[in-house]
Protein backbone atom coordinates (compact mmCIF):
# COMPACT_ATOMS: atom_id res chain seq x y z
CA MET A 1 8.77 -39.04 24.25
CA CYS A 2 7.05 -37.40 27.19
CA ASP A 3 5.88 -39.85 29.83
CA SER A 4 2.36 -38.43 30.01
CA THR A 5 1.41 -37.73 26.39
CA VAL A 6 1.23 -39.38 23.02
CA PRO A 7 2.04 -36.60 20.52
CA ALA A 8 -0.40 -36.20 17.62
CA THR A 9 -2.36 -39.31 18.56
CA ILE A 10 -5.85 -39.50 17.05
CA LEU A 11 -8.46 -41.56 18.86
CA CYS A 12 -11.16 -43.12 16.67
CA LYS A 13 -14.18 -44.43 18.51
CA ILE A 14 -16.01 -47.01 16.39
CA GLY A 15 -19.71 -46.96 17.24
CA GLY A 16 -21.23 -50.24 18.35
CA SER A 17 -24.10 -49.68 15.91
CA LEU A 18 -21.62 -50.28 13.07
CA LEU A 19 -20.75 -53.85 13.96
CA ASP A 20 -23.32 -55.15 11.46
CA LEU A 21 -22.07 -52.86 8.67
CA PRO A 22 -20.78 -54.82 5.66
CA GLY A 23 -17.41 -53.41 4.74
CA LEU A 24 -16.66 -52.07 8.23
CA ALA A 25 -13.08 -53.29 7.86
CA SER A 26 -12.66 -51.16 4.74
CA VAL A 27 -14.11 -48.13 6.53
CA ILE A 28 -11.63 -48.52 9.40
CA SER A 29 -8.72 -49.13 7.04
CA GLY A 30 -9.64 -45.98 5.13
CA ILE A 31 -9.67 -43.95 8.35
CA LEU A 32 -6.24 -45.26 9.29
CA CYS A 33 -4.87 -44.30 5.88
CA ARG A 34 -6.28 -40.77 6.17
CA ASN A 35 -4.85 -40.36 9.68
CA ALA A 36 -1.33 -41.41 8.67
CA PRO A 37 1.32 -40.56 9.63
CA SER A 38 -0.37 -39.61 12.92
CA PRO A 39 -0.70 -42.59 15.28
CA THR A 40 -4.25 -43.87 15.72
CA LEU A 41 -5.84 -45.53 18.73
CA ILE A 42 -9.10 -47.37 18.02
CA VAL A 43 -11.73 -47.32 20.78
CA PRO A 44 -14.45 -49.96 20.28
CA GLY A 45 -18.05 -49.23 21.13
CA GLY A 46 -20.09 -51.64 23.21
CA GLY A 47 -22.83 -52.41 20.71
CA ALA A 48 -25.26 -55.23 21.38
CA ALA A 49 -22.98 -56.62 24.10
CA ALA A 50 -23.35 -53.39 26.11
CA ASP A 51 -27.10 -53.44 25.48
CA ALA A 52 -27.19 -56.90 27.05
CA VAL A 53 -25.41 -55.53 30.13
CA ARG A 54 -28.04 -52.78 30.40
CA THR A 55 -30.75 -55.43 30.31
CA TRP A 56 -29.02 -57.47 33.01
CA ASP A 57 -28.67 -54.35 35.13
CA THR A 58 -32.38 -53.60 34.79
CA VAL A 59 -33.38 -57.16 35.63
CA HIS A 60 -30.92 -57.85 38.43
CA GLY A 61 -30.23 -54.40 39.86
CA LEU A 62 -26.47 -54.75 39.58
CA ALA A 63 -24.17 -52.65 41.72
CA ASP A 64 -22.76 -49.65 39.85
CA GLU A 65 -19.22 -51.06 39.91
CA ALA A 66 -20.40 -54.44 38.63
CA ALA A 67 -22.34 -52.89 35.74
CA HIS A 68 -19.32 -50.70 34.94
CA GLU A 69 -16.98 -53.69 34.78
CA LEU A 70 -19.36 -55.67 32.57
CA ALA A 71 -19.83 -52.70 30.22
CA LEU A 72 -16.05 -52.39 29.83
CA ALA A 73 -15.91 -56.12 29.13
CA ALA A 74 -18.54 -55.60 26.42
CA MET A 75 -16.27 -53.02 24.77
CA ASP A 76 -13.39 -55.48 24.94
CA LEU A 77 -15.53 -58.15 23.26
CA THR A 78 -16.33 -55.85 20.34
CA GLY A 79 -12.65 -54.93 20.28
CA ASP A 80 -11.88 -58.61 19.72
CA LEU A 81 -14.14 -58.51 16.66
CA LEU A 82 -12.41 -55.40 15.31
CA ALA A 83 -9.05 -57.11 15.79
CA LYS A 84 -10.26 -59.96 13.58
CA LEU A 85 -11.58 -57.56 10.94
CA VAL A 86 -8.47 -55.36 10.83
CA PRO A 87 -5.39 -57.49 11.59
CA GLY A 88 -2.21 -55.85 12.79
CA MET A 89 -3.61 -53.61 15.50
CA ARG A 90 -1.83 -53.79 18.85
CA GLN A 91 -3.81 -54.16 22.07
CA VAL A 92 -3.32 -51.16 24.37
CA CYS A 93 -3.87 -51.76 28.08
CA SER A 94 -2.07 -48.76 29.59
CA ILE A 95 -0.80 -45.26 28.89
CA GLN A 96 2.68 -46.67 28.43
CA GLN A 97 1.48 -49.21 25.86
CA ALA A 98 -0.33 -46.43 23.98
CA GLN A 99 2.92 -44.49 23.87
CA ARG A 100 4.86 -47.49 22.59
CA ALA A 101 2.32 -48.26 19.87
CA ALA A 102 2.46 -44.64 18.71
CA SER A 103 6.26 -44.60 18.79
CA ASP A 104 6.39 -47.83 16.79
CA GLY A 105 3.91 -46.53 14.21
CA VAL A 106 1.40 -49.28 15.01
CA THR A 107 -2.35 -48.74 15.27
CA GLY A 108 -3.50 -49.30 18.84
CA LEU A 109 -6.70 -51.04 19.92
CA LEU A 110 -7.92 -49.96 23.35
CA CYS A 111 -8.53 -52.70 25.90
CA ALA A 112 -11.03 -50.61 27.83
CA GLY A 113 -11.16 -52.65 31.02
CA CYS A 114 -7.46 -52.82 31.77
CA PHE A 115 -6.71 -49.32 30.39
CA VAL A 116 -9.28 -47.62 32.63
CA ASN A 117 -8.13 -49.55 35.70
CA SER A 118 -4.48 -48.79 34.95
CA ALA A 119 -5.00 -45.07 34.32
CA GLU A 120 -7.15 -44.65 37.42
CA ALA A 121 -4.53 -46.46 39.49
CA GLN A 122 -1.97 -43.93 38.21
CA GLY A 123 -4.04 -41.09 39.66
CA HIS A 124 -6.17 -39.94 36.74
CA PRO A 125 -9.70 -38.79 37.66
CA PRO A 126 -11.95 -41.85 37.87
CA LEU A 127 -14.80 -42.40 35.48
CA GLU A 128 -18.31 -42.06 36.82
CA ARG A 129 -19.89 -45.45 37.43
CA SER A 130 -23.27 -44.97 35.78
CA TRP A 131 -25.02 -45.33 32.43
CA ARG A 132 -24.41 -41.61 31.85
CA VAL A 133 -20.96 -42.81 30.79
CA THR A 134 -20.76 -45.09 27.76
CA SER A 135 -18.06 -45.70 25.17
CA ASP A 136 -18.36 -42.12 23.86
CA SER A 137 -17.33 -40.71 27.22
CA ILE A 138 -14.74 -43.42 27.76
CA ALA A 139 -13.14 -42.38 24.46
CA ALA A 140 -13.17 -38.70 25.49
CA TRP A 141 -11.74 -39.56 28.91
CA THR A 142 -9.00 -41.64 27.28
CA ALA A 143 -8.14 -38.73 24.98
CA GLN A 144 -7.75 -36.51 28.05
CA VAL A 145 -5.60 -39.11 29.81
CA LEU A 146 -3.33 -39.21 26.76
CA GLY A 147 -2.63 -35.51 27.04
CA GLY A 148 -5.57 -34.08 25.12
CA ALA A 149 -5.58 -36.16 21.94
CA SER A 150 -7.93 -35.46 19.05
CA LEU A 151 -11.05 -37.64 18.88
CA ILE A 152 -13.06 -38.85 15.90
CA LEU A 153 -16.48 -40.40 16.53
CA VAL A 154 -17.41 -42.93 13.85
CA LYS A 155 -21.18 -43.29 13.88
CA SER A 156 -24.17 -44.54 11.87
CA VAL A 157 -25.79 -41.13 11.37
CA SER A 158 -24.86 -37.68 10.13
CA LEU A 159 -24.04 -34.79 12.45
CA PRO A 160 -26.69 -32.05 12.38
CA PRO A 161 -25.14 -28.73 11.28
CA GLY A 162 -24.18 -26.40 14.12
CA ILE A 163 -25.18 -28.75 16.91
CA THR A 164 -23.53 -28.23 20.30
CA LEU A 165 -22.10 -30.91 22.56
CA ALA A 166 -24.98 -30.41 25.00
CA ASP A 167 -27.63 -30.65 22.30
CA ALA A 168 -26.01 -33.77 20.86
CA ALA A 169 -26.24 -35.41 24.27
CA GLN A 170 -29.83 -34.24 24.66
CA ILE A 171 -30.96 -36.04 21.49
CA GLY A 172 -28.86 -39.15 22.12
CA LEU A 173 -26.11 -38.71 19.54
CA VAL A 174 -23.59 -39.01 22.38
CA ASP A 175 -23.99 -40.03 26.00
CA GLU A 176 -24.92 -37.68 28.84
CA ALA A 177 -21.43 -37.29 30.29
CA PHE A 178 -19.71 -36.66 26.95
CA PRO A 179 -20.08 -32.84 26.82
CA GLN A 180 -18.22 -32.37 30.09
CA LEU A 181 -15.47 -34.89 29.34
CA ALA A 182 -14.93 -33.73 25.75
CA GLN A 183 -15.11 -29.96 26.16
CA ARG A 184 -11.34 -29.44 26.43
CA LEU A 185 -10.25 -31.73 23.61
CA PRO A 186 -8.44 -29.88 20.80
CA LEU A 187 -10.45 -31.48 18.03
CA ILE A 188 -13.58 -33.61 17.80
CA GLY A 189 -14.44 -35.03 14.40
CA TRP A 190 -17.43 -37.02 13.16
CA ILE A 191 -17.79 -39.66 10.45
CA ASN A 192 -21.09 -41.10 9.25
CA ALA A 193 -19.79 -44.53 8.24
CA ARG A 194 -23.13 -45.44 6.65
CA GLY A 195 -23.07 -42.39 4.39
CA PRO A 196 -22.33 -42.64 0.66
CA SER A 197 -18.80 -41.25 1.07
CA PRO A 198 -17.63 -41.51 4.69
CA ALA A 199 -15.37 -38.58 5.51
CA VAL A 200 -14.29 -36.71 8.62
CA GLU A 201 -16.37 -33.67 9.48
CA THR A 202 -14.88 -31.26 11.99
CA TRP A 203 -17.35 -30.84 14.85
CA ILE A 204 -15.42 -29.01 17.57
CA LEU A 205 -12.13 -27.19 17.05
CA THR A 206 -10.75 -25.34 20.06
CA ARG A 207 -8.42 -22.38 19.99
CA SER A 208 -5.58 -24.52 21.30
CA ALA A 209 -5.92 -26.70 18.20
CA GLY A 210 -5.14 -23.68 16.08
């Protein structure tokens, strides 16, 4: 396996707004079954924990780096919940661990804090330290770090037909930095997990994806 890529890996970012969804475990398990045999890496959203960090930042005027670290910790907390809901996922803290999980056929669960620090230390472009970057952009950035993996956003709402990346950011479906970080990914999919029959909808398909 190439040292810098995880072939055919699909990243699935689980929106933090879904943490109160009954049956979330079944939704995730269904996604994993549909992705097979491609390896899947789950990226947890921040949810209410990240909202708390935003509040602390507003009240206390945290330094950008401090708010960034706490927001990553919020993602890791929700990741702990997902690990309890869907046993058997393997924590992924580095590019190398993502590669091993994929090679072993095990679903990975991103540990956002240690993964971001590790990848940046290896020379990958650093993430912007601001609230323009949330778990959506962190998922897109991770997909780029893993050699341009496909990304599926699992959300609580439907995707408006024909909407662009920029327009989606404008109306708050994704964060502000997402269009720039996601524009070169081969495939971006969307799932409304609160819909009657959650299924992947292709949002962006680049020429390189065929």
